[in-house]
Amino acid sequence: AWAEIEHDLIYKNGFGINNEKQILRYKKKMKKILTNYIQ
């Protein structure tokens, strides 16, 4: 479930974000969610 969300929102850019730094920031937040909650 987490991978599907990450793929659609980050790698398919479901946020519609064009700023690379902002995308990187969201990637870090997603990884933190996985580590702190999902795992």
All heavy atoms as atom14 arrays in JSON, in Angstrom:
{
  "sequence": "AWAEIEHDLIYKNGFGINNEKQILRYKKKMKKILTNYIQ",
  "atom14_mask": [
    [1, 1, 1, 1, 1, 0, 0, 0, 0, 0, 0, 0, 0, 0],
    [1, 1, 1, 1, 1, 1, 1, 1, 1, 1, 1, 1, 1, 1],
    [1, 1, 1, 1, 1, 0, 0, 0, 0, 0, 0, 0, 0, 0],
    [1, 1, 1, 1, 1, 1, 1, 1, 1, 0, 0, 0, 0, 0],
    [1, 1, 1, 1, 1, 1, 1, 1, 0, 0, 0, 0, 0, 0],
    [1, 1, 1, 1, 1, 1, 1, 1, 1, 0, 0, 0, 0, 0],
    [1, 1, 1, 1, 1, 1, 1, 1, 1, 1, 0, 0, 0, 0],
    [1, 1, 1, 1, 1, 1, 1, 1, 0, 0, 0, 0, 0, 0],
    [1, 1, 1, 1, 1, 1, 1, 1, 0, 0, 0, 0, 0, 0],
    [1, 1, 1, 1, 1, 1, 1, 1, 0, 0, 0, 0, 0, 0],
    [1, 1, 1, 1, 1, 1, 1, 1, 1, 1, 1, 1, 0, 0],
    [1, 1, 1, 1, 1, 1, 1, 1, 1, 0, 0, 0, 0, 0],
    [1, 1, 1, 1, 1, 1, 1, 1, 0, 0, 0, 0, 0, 0],
    [1, 1, 1, 1, 0, 0, 0, 0, 0, 0, 0, 0, 0, 0],
    [1, 1, 1, 1, 1, 1, 1, 1, 1, 1, 1, 0, 0, 0],
    [1, 1, 1, 1, 0, 0, 0, 0, 0, 0, 0, 0, 0, 0],
    [1, 1, 1, 1, 1, 1, 1, 1, 0, 0, 0, 0, 0, 0],
    [1, 1, 1, 1, 1, 1, 1, 1, 0, 0, 0, 0, 0, 0],
    [1, 1, 1, 1, 1, 1, 1, 1, 0, 0, 0, 0, 0, 0],
    [1, 1, 1, 1, 1, 1, 1, 1, 1, 0, 0, 0, 0, 0],
    [1, 1, 1, 1, 1, 1, 1, 1, 1, 0, 0, 0, 0, 0],
    [1, 1, 1, 1, 1, 1, 1, 1, 1, 0, 0, 0, 0, 0],
    [1, 1, 1, 1, 1, 1, 1, 1, 0, 0, 0, 0, 0, 0],
    [1, 1, 1, 1, 1, 1, 1, 1, 0, 0, 0, 0, 0, 0],
    [1, 1, 1, 1, 1, 1, 1, 1, 1, 1, 1, 0, 0, 0],
    [1, 1, 1, 1, 1, 1, 1, 1, 1, 1, 1, 1, 0, 0],
    [1, 1, 1, 1, 1, 1, 1, 1, 1, 0, 0, 0, 0, 0],
    [1, 1, 1, 1, 1, 1, 1, 1, 1, 0, 0, 0, 0, 0],
    [1, 1, 1, 1, 1, 1, 1, 1, 1, 0, 0, 0, 0, 0],
    [1, 1, 1, 1, 1, 1, 1, 1, 0, 0, 0, 0, 0, 0],
    [1, 1, 1, 1, 1, 1, 1, 1, 1, 0, 0, 0, 0, 0],
    [1, 1, 1, 1, 1, 1, 1, 1, 1, 0, 0, 0, 0, 0],
    [1, 1, 1, 1, 1, 1, 1, 1, 0, 0, 0, 0, 0, 0],
    [1, 1, 1, 1, 1, 1, 1, 1, 0, 0, 0, 0, 0, 0],
    [1, 1, 1, 1, 1, 1, 1, 0, 0, 0, 0, 0, 0, 0],
    [1, 1, 1, 1, 1, 1, 1, 1, 0, 0, 0, 0, 0, 0],
    [1, 1, 1, 1, 1, 1, 1, 1, 1, 1, 1, 1, 0, 0],
    [1, 1, 1, 1, 1, 1, 1, 1, 0, 0, 0, 0, 0, 0],
    [1, 1, 1, 1, 1, 1, 1, 1, 1, 0, 0, 0, 0, 0]
  ],
  "atom14_positions": [
    [[0.83, -1.2, 0.0], [0.0, 0.0, 0.0], [0.87, 1.25, 0.0], [0.61, 2.21, -0.74], [-0.92, -0.01, 1.22], [0.0, 0.0, 0.0], [0.0, 0.0, 0.0], [0.0, 0.0, 0.0], [0.0, 0.0, 0.0], [0.0, 0.0, 0.0], [0.0, 0.0, 0.0], [0.0, 0.0, 0.0], [0.0, 0.0, 0.0], [0.0, 0.0, 0.0]],
    [[1.92, 1.24, 0.81], [2.82, 2.4, 0.89], [3.52, 2.61, -0.46], [3.63, 3.75, -0.94], [3.85, 2.18, 1.99], [4.79, 3.33, 2.13], [4.62, 4.45, 2.87], [6.06, 3.48, 1.46], [5.69, 5.3, 2.71], [6.58, 4.73, 1.86], [6.78, 2.68, 0.59], [7.81, 5.18, 1.41], [8.0, 3.14, 0.13], [8.51, 4.39, 0.54]],
    [[3.96, 1.52, -1.09], [4.66, 1.64, -2.37], [3.75, 2.2, -3.46], [4.18, 2.99, -4.3], [5.2, 0.27, -2.8], [0.0, 0.0, 0.0], [0.0, 0.0, 0.0], [0.0, 0.0, 0.0], [0.0, 0.0, 0.0], [0.0, 0.0, 0.0], [0.0, 0.0, 0.0], [0.0, 0.0, 0.0], [0.0, 0.0, 0.0], [0.0, 0.0, 0.0]],
    [[2.47, 1.79, -3.44], [1.52, 2.29, -4.43], [1.3, 3.8, -4.25], [1.23, 4.55, -5.22], [0.19, 1.55, -4.29], [0.23, 0.1, -4.75], [0.4, -0.03, -6.24], [-0.43, 0.49, -7.0], [1.42, -0.63, -6.67], [0.0, 0.0, 0.0], [0.0, 0.0, 0.0], [0.0, 0.0, 0.0], [0.0, 0.0, 0.0], [0.0, 0.0, 0.0]],
    [[1.17, 4.21, -3.0], [0.98, 5.64, -2.71], [2.21, 6.43, -3.14], [2.12, 7.47, -3.8], [0.7, 5.86, -1.21], [-0.67, 5.26, -0.85], [0.72, 7.35, -0.86], [-0.93, 5.19, 0.63], [0.0, 0.0, 0.0], [0.0, 0.0, 0.0], [0.0, 0.0, 0.0], [0.0, 0.0, 0.0], [0.0, 0.0, 0.0], [0.0, 0.0, 0.0]],
    [[3.39, 5.92, -2.77], [4.64, 6.61, -3.13], [4.78, 6.72, -4.65], [5.15, 7.76, -5.19], [5.84, 5.86, -2.55], [7.15, 6.59, -2.82], [8.37, 5.69, -2.68], [8.3, 4.52, -3.1], [9.38, 6.18, -2.18], [0.0, 0.0, 0.0], [0.0, 0.0, 0.0], [0.0, 0.0, 0.0], [0.0, 0.0, 0.0], [0.0, 0.0, 0.0]],
    [[4.47, 5.63, -5.34], [4.61, 5.61, -6.8], [3.69, 6.63, -7.46], [4.1, 7.39, -8.35], [4.3, 4.21, -7.32], [4.46, 4.08, -8.81], [3.4, 4.17, -9.68], [5.57, 3.89, -9.59], [3.84, 4.03, -10.91], [5.14, 3.86, -10.89], [0.0, 0.0, 0.0], [0.0, 0.0, 0.0], [0.0, 0.0, 0.0], [0.0, 0.0, 0.0]],
    [[2.43, 6.66, -7.03], [1.47, 7.58, -7.65], [1.72, 9.04, -7.3], [1.6, 9.91, -8.16], [0.04, 7.2, -7.23], [-0.44, 5.92, -7.92], [0.22, 5.49, -8.88], [-1.46, 5.37, -7.49], [0.0, 0.0, 0.0], [0.0, 0.0, 0.0], [0.0, 0.0, 0.0], [0.0, 0.0, 0.0], [0.0, 0.0, 0.0], [0.0, 0.0, 0.0]],
    [[2.09, 9.29, -6.04], [2.25, 10.67, -5.62], [3.62, 11.25, -5.95], [3.73, 12.42, -6.32], [2.0, 10.8, -4.11], [0.57, 10.51, -3.64], [0.46, 10.77, -2.14], [-0.44, 11.37, -4.39], [0.0, 0.0, 0.0], [0.0, 0.0, 0.0], [0.0, 0.0, 0.0], [0.0, 0.0, 0.0], [0.0, 0.0, 0.0], [0.0, 0.0, 0.0]],
    [[4.65, 10.42, -5.82], [6.02, 10.93, -6.02], [6.51, 10.66, -7.44], [6.85, 11.58, -8.19], [6.99, 10.31, -5.0], [6.53, 10.62, -3.56], [8.41, 10.83, -5.23], [6.5, 12.09, -3.2], [0.0, 0.0, 0.0], [0.0, 0.0, 0.0], [0.0, 0.0, 0.0], [0.0, 0.0, 0.0], [0.0, 0.0, 0.0], [0.0, 0.0, 0.0]],
    [[6.56, 9.38, -7.84], [7.18, 9.05, -9.11], [6.3, 9.41, -10.3], [6.79, 9.73, -11.38], [7.59, 7.57, -9.14], [8.71, 7.3, -8.17], [8.46, 6.77, -6.91], [10.03, 7.65, -8.48], [9.49, 6.56, -6.0], [11.06, 7.44, -7.58], [10.79, 6.9, -6.34], [11.8, 6.71, -5.45], [0.0, 0.0, 0.0], [0.0, 0.0, 0.0]],
    [[4.99, 9.36, -10.13], [4.09, 9.83, -11.18], [3.73, 11.3, -10.97], [2.95, 11.87, -11.72], [2.81, 8.98, -11.22], [3.02, 7.62, -11.88], [1.69, 6.97, -12.15], [1.87, 5.72, -12.96], [0.56, 5.06, -13.26], [0.0, 0.0, 0.0], [0.0, 0.0, 0.0], [0.0, 0.0, 0.0], [0.0, 0.0, 0.0], [0.0, 0.0, 0.0]],
    [[4.28, 11.88, -9.9], [4.09, 13.3, -9.59], [2.61, 13.66, -9.49], [2.14, 14.6, -10.14], [4.79, 14.19, -10.61], [4.99, 15.6, -10.1], [4.74, 15.89, -8.92], [5.45, 16.49, -10.96], [0.0, 0.0, 0.0], [0.0, 0.0, 0.0], [0.0, 0.0, 0.0], [0.0, 0.0, 0.0], [0.0, 0.0, 0.0], [0.0, 0.0, 0.0]],
    [[1.88, 12.87, -8.67], [0.47, 13.13, -8.46], [0.2, 14.47, -7.8], [-0.92, 14.97, -7.84], [0.0, 0.0, 0.0], [0.0, 0.0, 0.0], [0.0, 0.0, 0.0], [0.0, 0.0, 0.0], [0.0, 0.0, 0.0], [0.0, 0.0, 0.0], [0.0, 0.0, 0.0], [0.0, 0.0, 0.0], [0.0, 0.0, 0.0], [0.0, 0.0, 0.0]],
    [[1.22, 15.07, -7.19], [1.07, 16.39, -6.58], [1.07, 17.49, -7.63], [0.66, 18.62, -7.36], [2.21, 16.67, -5.59], [2.17, 15.81, -4.35], [3.21, 14.92, -4.07], [1.13, 15.9, -3.46], [3.19, 14.15, -2.92], [1.1, 15.13, -2.31], [2.13, 14.26, -2.04], [0.0, 0.0, 0.0], [0.0, 0.0, 0.0], [0.0, 0.0, 0.0]],
    [[1.59, 17.17, -8.82], [1.71, 18.19, -9.86], [2.77, 19.22, -9.54], [2.68, 20.39, -9.9], [0.0, 0.0, 0.0], [0.0, 0.0, 0.0], [0.0, 0.0, 0.0], [0.0, 0.0, 0.0], [0.0, 0.0, 0.0], [0.0, 0.0, 0.0], [0.0, 0.0, 0.0], [0.0, 0.0, 0.0], [0.0, 0.0, 0.0], [0.0, 0.0, 0.0]],
    [[3.84, 18.77, -8.86], [4.91, 19.68, -8.42], [6.02, 19.72, -9.47], [6.46, 18.69, -9.97], [5.48, 19.23, -7.07], [4.38, 19.23, -6.01], [6.63, 20.12, -6.63], [4.79, 18.53, -4.73], [0.0, 0.0, 0.0], [0.0, 0.0, 0.0], [0.0, 0.0, 0.0], [0.0, 0.0, 0.0], [0.0, 0.0, 0.0], [0.0, 0.0, 0.0]],
    [[6.49, 20.91, -9.79], [7.58, 21.06, -10.75], [8.93, 21.36, -10.09], [9.97, 21.25, -10.7], [7.26, 22.19, -11.75], [6.02, 21.87, -12.57], [5.85, 20.74, -13.01], [5.16, 22.86, -12.76], [0.0, 0.0, 0.0], [0.0, 0.0, 0.0], [0.0, 0.0, 0.0], [0.0, 0.0, 0.0], [0.0, 0.0, 0.0], [0.0, 0.0, 0.0]],
    [[8.88, 21.71, -8.81], [10.1, 22.07, -8.09], [10.81, 20.82, -7.58], [10.28, 20.05, -6.77], [9.71, 22.97, -6.9], [10.93, 23.55, -6.2], [11.81, 22.81, -5.79], [10.95, 24.86, -6.06], [0.0, 0.0, 0.0], [0.0, 0.0, 0.0], [0.0, 0.0, 0.0], [0.0, 0.0, 0.0], [0.0, 0.0, 0.0], [0.0, 0.0, 0.0]],
    [[12.04, 20.56, -8.09], [12.79, 19.35, -7.74], [13.1, 19.28, -6.24], [13.05, 18.2, -5.64], [14.1, 19.29, -8.54], [13.92, 18.96, -10.0], [13.36, 17.57, -10.22], [13.69, 16.66, -9.43], [12.59, 17.39, -11.17], [0.0, 0.0, 0.0], [0.0, 0.0, 0.0], [0.0, 0.0, 0.0], [0.0, 0.0, 0.0], [0.0, 0.0, 0.0]],
    [[13.41, 20.41, -5.63], [13.71, 20.42, -4.2], [12.49, 20.03, -3.38], [12.59, 19.32, -2.37], [14.21, 21.8, -3.77], [15.61, 22.13, -4.27], [16.09, 23.47, -3.73], [17.5, 23.76, -4.2], [17.99, 25.09, -3.71], [0.0, 0.0, 0.0], [0.0, 0.0, 0.0], [0.0, 0.0, 0.0], [0.0, 0.0, 0.0], [0.0, 0.0, 0.0]],
    [[11.35, 20.48, -3.83], [10.11, 20.16, -3.14], [9.78, 18.66, -3.27], [9.36, 18.02, -2.3], [8.96, 20.99, -3.73], [7.86, 21.28, -2.71], [6.86, 22.27, -3.25], [6.94, 22.69, -4.4], [5.92, 22.67, -2.42], [0.0, 0.0, 0.0], [0.0, 0.0, 0.0], [0.0, 0.0, 0.0], [0.0, 0.0, 0.0], [0.0, 0.0, 0.0]],
    [[10.01, 18.11, -4.46], [9.79, 16.67, -4.67], [10.71, 15.87, -3.77], [10.3, 14.89, -3.14], [10.03, 16.31, -6.16], [8.92, 16.91, -7.02], [10.07, 14.79, -6.34], [9.16, 16.75, -8.51], [0.0, 0.0, 0.0], [0.0, 0.0, 0.0], [0.0, 0.0, 0.0], [0.0, 0.0, 0.0], [0.0, 0.0, 0.0], [0.0, 0.0, 0.0]],
    [[11.98, 16.27, -3.68], [12.95, 15.59, -2.82], [12.51, 15.65, -1.36], [12.64, 14.67, -0.62], [14.33, 16.23, -2.98], [15.48, 15.57, -2.19], [15.66, 14.12, -2.62], [16.77, 16.35, -2.39], [0.0, 0.0, 0.0], [0.0, 0.0, 0.0], [0.0, 0.0, 0.0], [0.0, 0.0, 0.0], [0.0, 0.0, 0.0], [0.0, 0.0, 0.0]],
    [[11.97, 16.79, -0.96], [11.5, 16.95, 0.41], [10.35, 15.99, 0.72], [10.3, 15.37, 1.77], [11.08, 18.41, 0.64], [10.74, 18.71, 2.11], [10.8, 20.21, 2.41], [9.82, 20.95, 1.64], [10.12, 21.83, 0.68], [11.39, 22.05, 0.37], [9.17, 22.48, 0.04], [0.0, 0.0, 0.0], [0.0, 0.0, 0.0], [0.0, 0.0, 0.0]],
    [[9.44, 15.85, -0.24], [8.33, 14.92, -0.06], [8.8, 13.47, -0.03], [8.26, 12.64, 0.7], [7.28, 15.12, -1.15], [6.34, 16.26, -0.88], [6.31, 17.36, -1.72], [5.49, 16.24, 0.23], [5.45, 18.43, -1.47], [4.63, 17.3, 0.47], [4.61, 18.39, -0.36], [3.77, 19.43, -0.11], [0.0, 0.0, 0.0], [0.0, 0.0, 0.0]],
    [[9.82, 13.16, -0.83], [10.39, 11.81, -0.82], [10.94, 11.47, 0.56], [10.76, 10.37, 1.08], [11.5, 11.67, -1.88], [10.99, 11.51, -3.29], [12.16, 11.28, -4.24], [11.67, 11.11, -5.67], [12.78, 10.87, -6.61], [0.0, 0.0, 0.0], [0.0, 0.0, 0.0], [0.0, 0.0, 0.0], [0.0, 0.0, 0.0], [0.0, 0.0, 0.0]],
    [[11.65, 12.44, 1.15], [12.21, 12.23, 2.49], [11.11, 12.04, 3.53], [11.22, 11.21, 4.43], [13.11, 13.41, 2.87], [14.43, 13.44, 2.11], [15.28, 14.64, 2.54], [16.6, 14.65, 1.79], [17.43, 15.83, 2.17], [0.0, 0.0, 0.0], [0.0, 0.0, 0.0], [0.0, 0.0, 0.0], [0.0, 0.0, 0.0], [0.0, 0.0, 0.0]],
    [[10.03, 12.81, 3.38], [8.9, 12.67, 4.31], [8.24, 11.3, 4.17], [7.87, 10.67, 5.16], [7.87, 13.78, 4.05], [8.29, 15.14, 4.58], [7.18, 16.17, 4.42], [7.58, 17.52, 5.03], [6.51, 18.52, 4.92], [0.0, 0.0, 0.0], [0.0, 0.0, 0.0], [0.0, 0.0, 0.0], [0.0, 0.0, 0.0], [0.0, 0.0, 0.0]],
    [[8.11, 10.83, 2.92], [7.52, 9.52, 2.68], [8.37, 8.41, 3.3], [7.86, 7.47, 3.9], [7.36, 9.28, 1.18], [6.33, 10.16, 0.5], [4.63, 9.75, 0.95], [4.4, 8.23, 0.06], [0.0, 0.0, 0.0], [0.0, 0.0, 0.0], [0.0, 0.0, 0.0], [0.0, 0.0, 0.0], [0.0, 0.0, 0.0], [0.0, 0.0, 0.0]],
    [[9.69, 8.54, 3.15], [10.59, 7.54, 3.73], [10.49, 7.55, 5.25], [10.51, 6.5, 5.9], [12.04, 7.83, 3.3], [13.01, 6.76, 3.8], [14.42, 7.01, 3.25], [15.36, 5.91, 3.75], [16.73, 6.13, 3.24], [0.0, 0.0, 0.0], [0.0, 0.0, 0.0], [0.0, 0.0, 0.0], [0.0, 0.0, 0.0], [0.0, 0.0, 0.0]],
    [[10.35, 8.73, 5.83], [10.21, 8.85, 7.28], [8.92, 8.19, 7.76], [8.89, 7.52, 8.79], [10.22, 10.33, 7.68], [10.3, 10.56, 9.18], [10.44, 12.05, 9.48], [10.53, 12.28, 11.0], [10.65, 13.73, 11.3], [0.0, 0.0, 0.0], [0.0, 0.0, 0.0], [0.0, 0.0, 0.0], [0.0, 0.0, 0.0], [0.0, 0.0, 0.0]],
    [[7.84, 8.36, 6.99], [6.57, 7.73, 7.33], [6.72, 6.21, 7.32], [6.24, 5.51, 8.21], [5.47, 8.17, 6.35], [5.11, 9.63, 6.58], [4.22, 7.3, 6.49], [4.23, 10.23, 5.49], [0.0, 0.0, 0.0], [0.0, 0.0, 0.0], [0.0, 0.0, 0.0], [0.0, 0.0, 0.0], [0.0, 0.0, 0.0], [0.0, 0.0, 0.0]],
    [[7.4, 5.7, 6.29], [7.61, 4.25, 6.2], [8.39, 3.74, 7.4], [8.01, 2.75, 8.03], [8.35, 3.9, 4.91], [8.69, 2.42, 4.76], [7.43, 1.6, 4.51], [9.67, 2.19, 3.63], [0.0, 0.0, 0.0], [0.0, 0.0, 0.0], [0.0, 0.0, 0.0], [0.0, 0.0, 0.0], [0.0, 0.0, 0.0], [0.0, 0.0, 0.0]],
    [[9.49, 4.41, 7.72], [10.36, 3.97, 8.81], [9.67, 4.07, 10.16], [9.72, 3.13, 10.98], [11.65, 4.81, 8.83], [12.28, 4.71, 7.55], [12.6, 4.31, 9.9], [0.0, 0.0, 0.0], [0.0, 0.0, 0.0], [0.0, 0.0, 0.0], [0.0, 0.0, 0.0], [0.0, 0.0, 0.0], [0.0, 0.0, 0.0], [0.0, 0.0, 0.0]],
    [[9.02, 5.18, 10.42], [8.45, 5.44, 11.75], [7.11, 4.77, 12.0], [6.76, 4.51, 13.16], [8.31, 6.95, 11.98], [9.65, 7.64, 12.09], [10.67, 7.0, 12.28], [9.66, 8.95, 11.95], [0.0, 0.0, 0.0], [0.0, 0.0, 0.0], [0.0, 0.0, 0.0], [0.0, 0.0, 0.0], [0.0, 0.0, 0.0], [0.0, 0.0, 0.0]],
    [[6.37, 4.5, 10.93], [5.02, 3.99, 11.13], [4.75, 2.65, 10.44], [4.35, 1.69, 11.1], [3.99, 5.02, 10.63], [4.1, 6.35, 11.33], [4.71, 7.44, 10.72], [3.63, 6.52, 12.64], [4.83, 8.66, 11.36], [3.75, 7.73, 13.29], [4.34, 8.8, 12.65], [4.48, 10.01, 13.29], [0.0, 0.0, 0.0], [0.0, 0.0, 0.0]],
    [[5.01, 2.57, 9.14], [4.65, 1.36, 8.4], [5.46, 0.16, 8.86], [4.91, -0.9, 9.15], [4.82, 1.57, 6.88], [4.01, 2.78, 6.39], [4.44, 0.31, 6.12], [2.53, 2.65, 6.57], [0.0, 0.0, 0.0], [0.0, 0.0, 0.0], [0.0, 0.0, 0.0], [0.0, 0.0, 0.0], [0.0, 0.0, 0.0], [0.0, 0.0, 0.0]],
    [[6.78, 0.32, 8.92], [7.63, -0.8, 9.33], [7.34, -1.22, 10.77], [7.3, -2.41, 11.08], [9.11, -0.44, 9.15], [9.52, -0.37, 7.69], [10.98, 0.0, 7.51], [11.59, 0.64, 8.37], [11.54, -0.38, 6.39], [0.0, 0.0, 0.0], [0.0, 0.0, 0.0], [0.0, 0.0, 0.0], [0.0, 0.0, 0.0], [0.0, 0.0, 0.0]]
  ]
}
